[in-house]
Protein backbone atom coordinates (compact mmCIF):
# COMPACT_ATOMS: atom_id res chain seq x y z
CA MET A 1 12.25 -12.25 20.77
CA LYS A 2 11.27 -12.29 16.97
CA GLN A 3 8.80 -15.25 15.98
CA THR A 4 9.86 -15.58 12.63
CA PHE A 5 11.49 -18.79 11.40
CA GLY A 6 13.92 -17.41 8.55
CA LYS A 7 16.56 -18.78 6.15
CA SER A 8 19.09 -19.36 8.88
CA GLU A 9 16.72 -21.32 11.06
CA ARG A 10 16.14 -24.06 8.24
CA LEU A 11 18.46 -26.96 7.62
CA CYS A 12 19.64 -27.18 4.02
CA ASN A 13 23.24 -27.86 4.20
CA LEU A 14 23.85 -31.64 3.05
CA ASN A 15 26.64 -33.02 4.68
CA ILE A 16 24.68 -32.10 8.10
CA ILE A 17 21.37 -33.65 6.50
CA GLY A 18 23.85 -36.91 6.15
CA ARG A 19 25.04 -36.59 9.56
CA LEU A 20 21.69 -36.61 11.19
CA PHE A 21 20.27 -39.53 9.14
CA LYS A 22 23.28 -41.89 9.27
CA LYS A 23 22.20 -45.06 11.23
CA GLY A 24 24.40 -45.87 14.16
CA SER A 25 26.26 -42.36 14.73
CA PRO A 26 27.35 -42.05 17.77
CA GLU A 27 26.78 -38.23 17.63
CA VAL A 28 23.11 -38.51 16.75
CA GLN A 29 20.61 -38.71 20.09
CA THR A 30 16.77 -39.41 19.09
CA PHE A 31 13.94 -39.74 20.75
CA TYR A 32 10.13 -40.54 19.71
CA LEU A 33 7.28 -38.60 20.64
CA TYR A 34 3.60 -39.32 18.57
CA PRO A 35 3.84 -38.11 15.58
CA PHE A 36 7.26 -36.91 15.56
CA ARG A 37 10.89 -38.78 15.52
CA VAL A 38 13.24 -36.21 17.00
CA LEU A 39 16.54 -36.35 15.61
CA TYR A 40 19.62 -33.35 17.00
CA ILE A 41 23.12 -33.22 17.03
CA TYR A 42 25.07 -30.92 19.34
CA ALA A 43 27.63 -28.79 17.44
CA PRO A 44 29.81 -27.32 20.35
CA GLU A 45 32.50 -26.39 18.39
CA ALA A 46 30.61 -24.19 16.20
CA PRO A 47 27.19 -23.98 16.84
CA PRO A 48 25.16 -21.54 14.69
CA LEU A 49 23.63 -18.83 15.97
CA LEU A 50 19.75 -20.32 15.89
CA PRO A 51 19.09 -24.32 15.94
CA GLN A 52 18.97 -25.29 12.29
CA VAL A 53 15.70 -27.27 11.72
CA LEU A 54 14.41 -29.59 9.35
CA PHE A 55 10.53 -31.17 8.57
CA SER A 56 10.49 -34.57 7.32
CA ILE A 57 6.71 -35.59 6.20
CA SER A 58 7.23 -39.33 4.11
CA LYS A 59 5.84 -39.91 0.15
CA ARG A 60 4.83 -43.05 1.32
CA ASN A 61 2.45 -42.60 3.85
CA PHE A 62 1.24 -39.27 2.19
CA LYS A 63 1.00 -39.70 -1.68
CA LYS A 64 -0.39 -35.95 -2.52
CA ALA A 65 2.14 -32.75 -1.98
CA VAL A 66 -1.15 -31.05 -0.74
CA ASP A 67 -1.41 -33.19 2.29
CA ARG A 68 2.92 -32.77 3.06
CA ASN A 69 2.65 -29.37 2.48
CA LEU A 70 -0.22 -29.09 5.09
CA ILE A 71 1.38 -31.15 7.62
CA ARG A 72 4.58 -29.38 7.05
CA ARG A 73 3.26 -26.01 7.41
CA ARG A 74 1.38 -26.91 10.75
CA CYS A 75 4.67 -28.18 12.29
CA ARG A 76 7.21 -25.15 10.73
CA GLU A 77 4.18 -22.99 12.41
CA THR A 78 4.09 -24.72 15.79
CA TYR A 79 7.39 -24.70 15.90
CA ARG A 80 7.94 -20.74 14.87
CA LEU A 81 5.56 -20.02 18.23
CA HIS A 82 6.89 -21.97 20.66
CA LYS A 83 11.11 -22.20 19.76
CA SER A 84 11.36 -19.40 22.28
CA THR A 85 12.62 -21.60 24.90
CA LEU A 86 14.77 -23.40 23.21
CA VAL A 87 16.96 -20.28 21.96
CA SER A 88 16.50 -18.96 25.50
CA LEU A 89 19.43 -21.80 26.06
CA PRO A 90 23.13 -21.27 26.22
CA ALA A 91 24.28 -22.03 22.66
CA GLU A 92 26.28 -24.81 23.74
CA THR A 93 24.19 -26.67 25.83
CA ARG A 94 21.34 -26.43 23.31
CA PRO A 95 21.02 -28.91 20.03
CA SER A 96 22.66 -26.98 16.72
CA TYR A 97 21.02 -29.26 14.07
CA ILE A 98 17.24 -31.04 14.66
CA ALA A 99 15.36 -33.00 12.61
CA PHE A 100 11.35 -33.27 13.04
CA LEU A 101 10.15 -37.22 11.31
CA TYR A 102 6.32 -36.90 10.72
CA LEU A 103 5.52 -40.77 11.39
CA ALA A 104 2.05 -40.52 11.83
CA LYS A 105 -0.06 -42.57 9.00
CA GLU A 106 -3.33 -39.62 8.77
CA ILE A 107 -3.16 -36.10 8.70
CA THR A 108 -3.11 -35.06 12.57
CA SER A 109 -5.16 -31.99 13.70
CA TYR A 110 -3.01 -28.88 14.44
CA ASP A 111 -4.06 -29.14 18.30
CA VAL A 112 -2.25 -32.46 18.55
CA ILE A 113 0.99 -31.26 16.72
CA GLU A 114 1.19 -28.20 18.85
CA THR A 115 1.22 -30.43 22.05
CA ALA A 116 3.50 -33.29 20.59
CA MET A 117 5.71 -29.86 19.57
CA LYS A 118 5.84 -28.56 22.86
CA GLN A 119 6.54 -31.44 24.46
CA SER A 120 9.52 -32.32 21.78
CA LEU A 121 10.81 -28.82 22.71
CA LYS A 122 10.84 -28.93 26.35
CA LYS A 123 12.52 -32.54 26.42
CA LEU A 124 15.49 -31.24 24.34
CA GLU A 125 15.53 -28.49 26.60
CA ARG A 126 15.98 -30.46 29.51
CA LEU A 127 18.45 -33.43 27.87
CA PRO A 128 21.66 -32.34 28.78
CA PRO A 129 24.57 -32.69 25.90
CA ALA A 130 25.95 -36.67 25.13
CA PHE A 131 29.42 -34.23 25.11
CA LEU A 132 29.14 -32.91 29.10
CA LYS A 133 27.76 -36.04 29.96
CA GLU A 134 31.46 -37.58 28.63
CA GLN A 135 33.29 -35.01 30.37
CA SER A 136 31.38 -35.34 33.69
CA ASN A 137 32.40 -39.27 33.43
CA SER A 138 35.67 -38.66 32.93
């Protein structure tokens, strides 16, 4: 598999971004893993070919764009290198849309971001979709 992070993998659709950040929405699952908060949605009806990903770094915590861009580059690079386990899953059992929110107050090293990204992707790989839980309960 090619280790690229192309336009088709970037989450740009404002409607989907709005769905991800809608408070109290039952379709959005979330978990915390320092320095990230991960939000994700399963779209079993029309999953994209590859999971679409969004990286968000708060302007409140990092005033300078240089700092936000540095963190965003580190996050994208770790995702690009370690996404293979997530992409190898069947399309209906993996999250279709994922948002990584960087919550740390300081710039962390690449190693910290890399270990957190690996753990986050493993957790996303293991978590069963909510719609499968509902089907098994009924």
